[in-house]
PDB file of N, CA and C in Angstrom:
ATOM      1  N   MET A   1      19.558   2.721   4.808  1.00  0.00           N
ATOM      2  CA  MET A   1      19.237   1.686   5.765  1.00  0.00           C
ATOM      3  C   MET A   1      19.159   0.357   5.013  1.00  0.00           C
ATOM      4  N   PRO A   2      19.790  -0.698   5.520  1.00  0.00           N
ATOM      5  CA  PRO A   2      19.703  -2.008   4.853  1.00  0.00           C
ATOM      6  C   PRO A   2      18.260  -2.496   4.774  1.00  0.00           C
ATOM      7  N   ALA A   3      17.952  -3.227   3.713  1.00  0.00           N
ATOM      8  CA  ALA A   3      16.577  -3.689   3.472  1.00  0.00           C
ATOM      9  C   ALA A   3      16.015  -4.476   4.650  1.00  0.00           C
ATOM     10  N   ASP A   4      16.835  -5.254   5.335  1.00  0.00           N
ATOM     11  CA  ASP A   4      16.323  -6.069   6.437  1.00  0.00           C
ATOM     12  C   ASP A   4      16.077  -5.257   7.708  1.00  0.00           C
ATOM     13  N   GLU A   5      16.474  -3.988   7.742  1.00  0.00           N
ATOM     14  CA  GLU A   5      16.251  -3.134   8.904  1.00  0.00           C
ATOM     15  C   GLU A   5      15.126  -2.124   8.681  1.00  0.00           C
ATOM     16  N   ARG A   6      14.531  -2.129   7.489  1.00  0.00           N
ATOM     17  CA  ARG A   6      13.446  -1.190   7.223  1.00  0.00           C
ATOM     18  C   ARG A   6      12.244  -1.514   8.102  1.00  0.00           C
ATOM     19  N   ILE A   7      11.500  -0.500   8.455  1.00  0.00           N
ATOM     20  CA  ILE A   7      10.293  -0.664   9.257  1.00  0.00           C
ATOM     21  C   ILE A   7       9.178  -1.149   8.355  1.00  0.00           C
ATOM     22  N   ARG A   8       8.518  -2.213   8.757  1.00  0.00           N
ATOM     23  CA  ARG A   8       7.402  -2.757   7.963  1.00  0.00           C
ATOM     24  C   ARG A   8       6.115  -2.022   8.306  1.00  0.00           C
ATOM     25  N   VAL A   9       5.404  -1.591   7.259  1.00  0.00           N
ATOM     26  CA  VAL A   9       4.145  -0.868   7.428  1.00  0.00           C
ATOM     27  C   VAL A   9       3.102  -1.498   6.519  1.00  0.00           C
ATOM     28  N   LEU A  10       1.942  -1.822   7.086  1.00  0.00           N
ATOM     29  CA  LEU A  10       0.827  -2.346   6.305  1.00  0.00           C
ATOM     30  C   LEU A  10      -0.326  -1.368   6.404  1.00  0.00           C
ATOM     31  N   HIS A  11      -0.779  -0.877   5.263  1.00  0.00           N
ATOM     32  CA  HIS A  11      -1.969  -0.031   5.203  1.00  0.00           C
ATOM     33  C   HIS A  11      -3.104  -0.934   4.742  1.00  0.00           C
ATOM     34  N   LEU A  12      -4.160  -1.012   5.540  1.00  0.00           N
ATOM     35  CA  LEU A  12      -5.260  -1.929   5.262  1.00  0.00           C
ATOM     36  C   LEU A  12      -6.559  -1.154   5.109  1.00  0.00           C
ATOM     37  N   ALA A  13      -7.254  -1.432   4.022  1.00  0.00           N
ATOM     38  CA  ALA A  13      -8.572  -0.851   3.779  1.00  0.00           C
ATOM     39  C   ALA A  13      -9.493  -1.975   3.321  1.00  0.00           C
ATOM     40  N   CYS A  14     -10.778  -1.725   3.350  1.00  0.00           N
ATOM     41  CA  CYS A  14     -11.728  -2.732   2.898  1.00  0.00           C
ATOM     42  C   CYS A  14     -11.420  -3.119   1.455  1.00  0.00           C
ATOM     43  N   GLU A  15     -11.151  -2.129   0.635  1.00  0.00           N
ATOM     44  CA  GLU A  15     -10.715  -2.359  -0.736  1.00  0.00           C
ATOM     45  C   GLU A  15      -9.890  -1.160  -1.174  1.00  0.00           C
ATOM     46  N   LEU A  16      -9.146  -1.301  -2.237  1.00  0.00           N
ATOM     47  CA  LEU A  16      -8.341  -0.189  -2.749  1.00  0.00           C
ATOM     48  C   LEU A  16      -9.042   0.410  -3.962  1.00  0.00           C
ATOM     49  N   GLY A  17     -10.235   0.912  -3.710  1.00  0.00           N
ATOM     50  CA  GLY A  17     -11.045   1.494  -4.769  1.00  0.00           C
ATOM     51  C   GLY A  17     -10.671   2.941  -5.041  1.00  0.00           C
ATOM     52  N   LEU A  18     -11.589   3.698  -5.628  1.00  0.00           N
ATOM     53  CA  LEU A  18     -11.316   5.072  -6.040  1.00  0.00           C
ATOM     54  C   LEU A  18     -11.845   6.120  -5.070  1.00  0.00           C
ATOM     55  N   GLY A  19     -12.276   5.708  -3.890  1.00  0.00           N
ATOM     56  CA  GLY A  19     -12.834   6.648  -2.921  1.00  0.00           C
ATOM     57  C   GLY A  19     -11.796   7.499  -2.214  1.00  0.00           C
ATOM     58  N   GLY A  20     -12.275   8.426  -1.394  1.00  0.00           N
ATOM     59  CA  GLY A  20     -11.404   9.359  -0.694  1.00  0.00           C
ATOM     60  C   GLY A  20     -10.514   8.699   0.341  1.00  0.00           C
ATOM     61  N   THR A  21     -11.036   7.720   1.060  1.00  0.00           N
ATOM     62  CA  THR A  21     -10.224   7.010   2.049  1.00  0.00           C
ATOM     63  C   THR A  21      -9.061   6.309   1.370  1.00  0.00           C
ATOM     64  N   GLU A  22      -9.337   5.676   0.263  1.00  0.00           N
ATOM     65  CA  GLU A  22      -8.296   4.972  -0.472  1.00  0.00           C
ATOM     66  C   GLU A  22      -7.287   5.948  -1.076  1.00  0.00           C
ATOM     67  N   ARG A  23      -7.755   7.114  -1.486  1.00  0.00           N
ATOM     68  CA  ARG A  23      -6.851   8.138  -2.015  1.00  0.00           C
ATOM     69  C   ARG A  23      -5.906   8.610  -0.907  1.00  0.00           C
ATOM     70  N   ALA A  24      -6.443   8.814   0.295  1.00  0.00           N
ATOM     71  CA  ALA A  24      -5.604   9.217   1.425  1.00  0.00           C
ATOM     72  C   ALA A  24      -4.584   8.125   1.745  1.00  0.00           C
ATOM     73  N   LEU A  25      -5.004   6.874   1.697  1.00  0.00           N
ATOM     74  CA  LEU A  25      -4.094   5.756   1.932  1.00  0.00           C
ATOM     75  C   LEU A  25      -2.972   5.768   0.896  1.00  0.00           C
ATOM     76  N   GLN A  26      -3.300   6.019  -0.347  1.00  0.00           N
ATOM     77  CA  GLN A  26      -2.290   6.069  -1.398  1.00  0.00           C
ATOM     78  C   GLN A  26      -1.292   7.187  -1.132  1.00  0.00           C
ATOM     79  N   HIS A  27      -1.765   8.350  -0.713  1.00  0.00           N
ATOM     80  CA  HIS A  27      -0.868   9.467  -0.428  1.00  0.00           C
ATOM     81  C   HIS A  27       0.048   9.144   0.756  1.00  0.00           C
ATOM     82  N   LEU A  28      -0.478   8.459   1.752  1.00  0.00           N
ATOM     83  CA  LEU A  28       0.359   8.042   2.882  1.00  0.00           C
ATOM     84  C   LEU A  28       1.462   7.096   2.420  1.00  0.00           C
ATOM     85  N   VAL A  29       1.102   6.132   1.593  1.00  0.00           N
ATOM     86  CA  VAL A  29       2.081   5.165   1.091  1.00  0.00           C
ATOM     87  C   VAL A  29       3.142   5.880   0.249  1.00  0.00           C
ATOM     88  N   GLU A  30       2.712   6.781  -0.620  1.00  0.00           N
ATOM     89  CA  GLU A  30       3.656   7.490  -1.491  1.00  0.00           C
ATOM     90  C   GLU A  30       4.590   8.408  -0.710  1.00  0.00           C
ATOM     91  N   GLY A  31       4.143   8.872   0.454  1.00  0.00           N
ATOM     92  CA  GLY A  31       4.944   9.788   1.249  1.00  0.00           C
ATOM     93  C   GLY A  31       6.028   9.122   2.081  1.00  0.00           C
ATOM     94  N   LEU A  32       5.982   7.816   2.219  1.00  0.00           N
ATOM     95  CA  LEU A  32       6.981   7.117   3.026  1.00  0.00           C
ATOM     96  C   LEU A  32       8.233   6.827   2.202  1.00  0.00           C
ATOM     97  N   ASP A  33       9.375   7.035   2.801  1.00  0.00           N
ATOM     98  CA  ASP A  33      10.664   6.804   2.150  1.00  0.00           C
ATOM     99  C   ASP A  33      10.911   5.300   2.021  1.00  0.00           C
ATOM    100  N   PRO A  34      10.977   4.765   0.782  1.00  0.00           N
ATOM    101  CA  PRO A  34      11.154   3.319   0.612  1.00  0.00           C
ATOM    102  C   PRO A  34      12.500   2.802   1.108  1.00  0.00           C
ATOM    103  N   SER A  35      13.450   3.677   1.331  1.00  0.00           N
ATOM    104  CA  SER A  35      14.719   3.209   1.876  1.00  0.00           C
ATOM    105  C   SER A  35      14.623   2.962   3.386  1.00  0.00           C
ATOM    106  N   CYS A  36      13.583   3.530   4.024  1.00  0.00           N
ATOM    107  CA  CYS A  36      13.387   3.355   5.469  1.00  0.00           C
ATOM    108  C   CYS A  36      12.194   2.474   5.811  1.00  0.00           C
ATOM    109  N   PHE A  37      11.225   2.382   4.892  1.00  0.00           N
ATOM    110  CA  PHE A  37       9.990   1.660   5.171  1.00  0.00           C
ATOM    111  C   PHE A  37       9.720   0.593   4.123  1.00  0.00           C
ATOM    112  N   ASP A  38       9.335  -0.574   4.575  1.00  0.00           N
ATOM    113  CA  ASP A  38       8.882  -1.667   3.706  1.00  0.00           C
ATOM    114  C   ASP A  38       7.361  -1.600   3.726  1.00  0.00           C
ATOM    115  N   VAL A  39       6.775  -1.011   2.696  1.00  0.00           N
ATOM    116  CA  VAL A  39       5.352  -0.665   2.699  1.00  0.00           C
ATOM    117  C   VAL A  39       4.533  -1.664   1.900  1.00  0.00           C
ATOM    118  N   ARG A  40       3.381  -2.030   2.432  1.00  0.00           N
ATOM    119  CA  ARG A  40       2.403  -2.857   1.739  1.00  0.00           C
ATOM    120  C   ARG A  40       1.046  -2.184   1.877  1.00  0.00           C
ATOM    121  N   ALA A  41       0.214  -2.312   0.870  1.00  0.00           N
ATOM    122  CA  ALA A  41      -1.166  -1.853   0.927  1.00  0.00           C
ATOM    123  C   ALA A  41      -2.029  -3.071   0.663  1.00  0.00           C
ATOM    124  N   ALA A  42      -3.056  -3.254   1.471  1.00  0.00           N
ATOM    125  CA  ALA A  42      -3.899  -4.439   1.333  1.00  0.00           C
ATOM    126  C   ALA A  42      -5.369  -4.045   1.291  1.00  0.00           C
ATOM    127  N   GLY A  43      -6.100  -4.778   0.474  1.00  0.00           N
ATOM    128  CA  GLY A  43      -7.546  -4.657   0.437  1.00  0.00           C
ATOM    129  C   GLY A  43      -8.141  -5.878   1.094  1.00  0.00           C
ATOM    130  N   PHE A  44      -8.946  -5.670   2.136  1.00  0.00           N
ATOM    131  CA  PHE A  44      -9.499  -6.810   2.864  1.00  0.00           C
ATOM    132  C   PHE A  44     -10.519  -7.577   2.034  1.00  0.00           C
ATOM    133  N   ALA A  45     -11.432  -6.870   1.402  1.00  0.00           N
ATOM    134  CA  ALA A  45     -12.466  -7.537   0.610  1.00  0.00           C
ATOM    135  C   ALA A  45     -11.975  -7.854  -0.797  1.00  0.00           C
ATOM    136  N   ARG A  46     -11.264  -6.899  -1.401  1.00  0.00           N
ATOM    137  CA  ARG A  46     -10.693  -7.075  -2.739  1.00  0.00           C
ATOM    138  C   ARG A  46      -9.715  -5.937  -2.974  1.00  0.00           C
ATOM    139  N   LEU A  47      -8.958  -6.029  -4.042  1.00  0.00           N
ATOM    140  CA  LEU A  47      -7.975  -4.987  -4.309  1.00  0.00           C
ATOM    141  C   LEU A  47      -8.614  -3.714  -4.840  1.00  0.00           C
ATOM    142  N   GLY A  48      -9.398  -3.767  -5.879  1.00  0.00           N
ATOM    143  CA  GLY A  48     -10.039  -2.581  -6.426  1.00  0.00           C
ATOM    144  C   GLY A  48      -9.174  -1.857  -7.442  1.00  0.00           C
ATOM    145  N   ALA A  49      -9.740  -0.807  -8.019  1.00  0.00           N
ATOM    146  CA  ALA A  49      -9.134  -0.087  -9.137  1.00  0.00           C
ATOM    147  C   ALA A  49      -7.861   0.663  -8.758  1.00  0.00           C
ATOM    148  N   ARG A  50      -7.742   1.134  -7.539  1.00  0.00           N
ATOM    149  CA  ARG A  50      -6.586   1.931  -7.142  1.00  0.00           C
ATOM    150  C   ARG A  50      -5.331   1.077  -6.953  1.00  0.00           C
ATOM    151  N   ALA A  51      -5.460  -0.220  -6.830  1.00  0.00           N
ATOM    152  CA  ALA A  51      -4.304  -1.097  -6.624  1.00  0.00           C
ATOM    153  C   ALA A  51      -3.268  -0.941  -7.736  1.00  0.00           C
ATOM    154  N   ALA A  52      -3.720  -0.723  -8.951  1.00  0.00           N
ATOM    155  CA  ALA A  52      -2.796  -0.571 -10.078  1.00  0.00           C
ATOM    156  C   ALA A  52      -1.956   0.702  -9.973  1.00  0.00           C
ATOM    157  N   LEU A  53      -2.408   1.685  -9.209  1.00  0.00           N
ATOM    158  CA  LEU A  53      -1.672   2.934  -9.072  1.00  0.00           C
ATOM    159  C   LEU A  53      -0.466   2.804  -8.136  1.00  0.00           C
ATOM    160  N   PHE A  54      -0.412   1.742  -7.360  1.00  0.00           N
ATOM    161  CA  PHE A  54       0.719   1.521  -6.463  1.00  0.00           C
ATOM    162  C   PHE A  54       1.920   0.917  -7.198  1.00  0.00           C
ATOM    163  N   ALA A  55       1.679   0.219  -8.271  1.00  0.00           N
ATOM    164  CA  ALA A  55       2.730  -0.532  -8.973  1.00  0.00           C
ATOM    165  C   ALA A  55       3.877   0.332  -9.508  1.00  0.00           C
ATOM    166  N   PRO A  56       3.626   1.504 -10.102  1.00  0.00           N
ATOM    167  CA  PRO A  56       4.746   2.265 -10.663  1.00  0.00           C
ATOM    168  C   PRO A  56       5.841   2.617  -9.655  1.00  0.00           C
ATOM    169  N   ARG A  57       5.484   2.787  -8.394  1.00  0.00           N
ATOM    170  CA  ARG A  57       6.489   3.098  -7.376  1.00  0.00           C
ATOM    171  C   ARG A  57       7.059   1.843  -6.734  1.00  0.00           C
ATOM    172  N   GLY A  58       6.520   0.701  -7.059  1.00  0.00           N
ATOM    173  CA  GLY A  58       7.055  -0.542  -6.531  1.00  0.00           C
ATOM    174  C   GLY A  58       6.420  -1.014  -5.233  1.00  0.00           C
ATOM    175  N   GLU A  59       5.385  -0.331  -4.756  1.00  0.00           N
ATOM    176  CA  GLU A  59       4.710  -0.790  -3.546  1.00  0.00           C
ATOM    177  C   GLU A  59       3.923  -2.050  -3.855  1.00  0.00           C
ATOM    178  N   GLU A  60       3.957  -2.955  -2.946  1.00  0.00           N
ATOM    179  CA  GLU A  60       3.249  -4.217  -3.137  1.00  0.00           C
ATOM    180  C   GLU A  60       1.818  -4.077  -2.643  1.00  0.00           C
ATOM    181  N   THR A  61       0.884  -4.603  -3.416  1.00  0.00           N
ATOM    182  CA  THR A  61      -0.508  -4.659  -2.988  1.00  0.00           C
ATOM    183  C   THR A  61      -0.866  -6.121  -2.753  1.00  0.00           C
ATOM    184  N   VAL A  62      -1.714  -6.324  -1.765  1.00  0.00           N
ATOM    185  CA  VAL A  62      -2.055  -7.674  -1.326  1.00  0.00           C
ATOM    186  C   VAL A  62      -3.553  -7.788  -1.201  1.00  0.00           C
ATOM    187  N   ASN A  63      -4.117  -8.878  -1.694  1.00  0.00           N
ATOM    188  CA  ASN A  63      -5.514  -9.179  -1.445  1.00  0.00           C
ATOM    189  C   ASN A  63      -5.537  -9.979  -0.147  1.00  0.00           C
ATOM    190  N   ALA A  64      -5.955  -9.360   0.940  1.00  0.00           N
ATOM    191  CA  ALA A  64      -5.891  -9.982   2.263  1.00  0.00           C
ATOM    192  C   ALA A  64      -6.854 -11.158   2.396  1.00  0.00           C
ATOM    193  N   ARG A  65      -7.768 -11.293   1.486  1.00  0.00           N
ATOM    194  CA  ARG A  65      -8.768 -12.349   1.571  1.00  0.00           C
ATOM    195  C   ARG A  65      -8.218 -13.693   1.089  1.00  0.00           C
ATOM    196  N   ARG A  66      -7.105 -13.713   0.395  1.00  0.00           N
ATOM    197  CA  ARG A  66      -6.553 -14.963  -0.143  1.00  0.00           C
ATOM    198  C   ARG A  66      -6.226 -15.935   0.942  1.00  0.00           C
TER     199      ARG A  66
END
């Protein structure tokens, strides 16, 4: 699928810390096919420690508070 036709998905949590909710969010992001989905993960309050785990796969993390 061409990059401009991918479905945009934003996963939003209070922060991307090390808790169970954030772990589930990470698994959801990792499970989406990057050729079909343009995925972003955002931390509303701050990014947190788990944000660095998204980088190896190329998912973008966003601090929504900026």
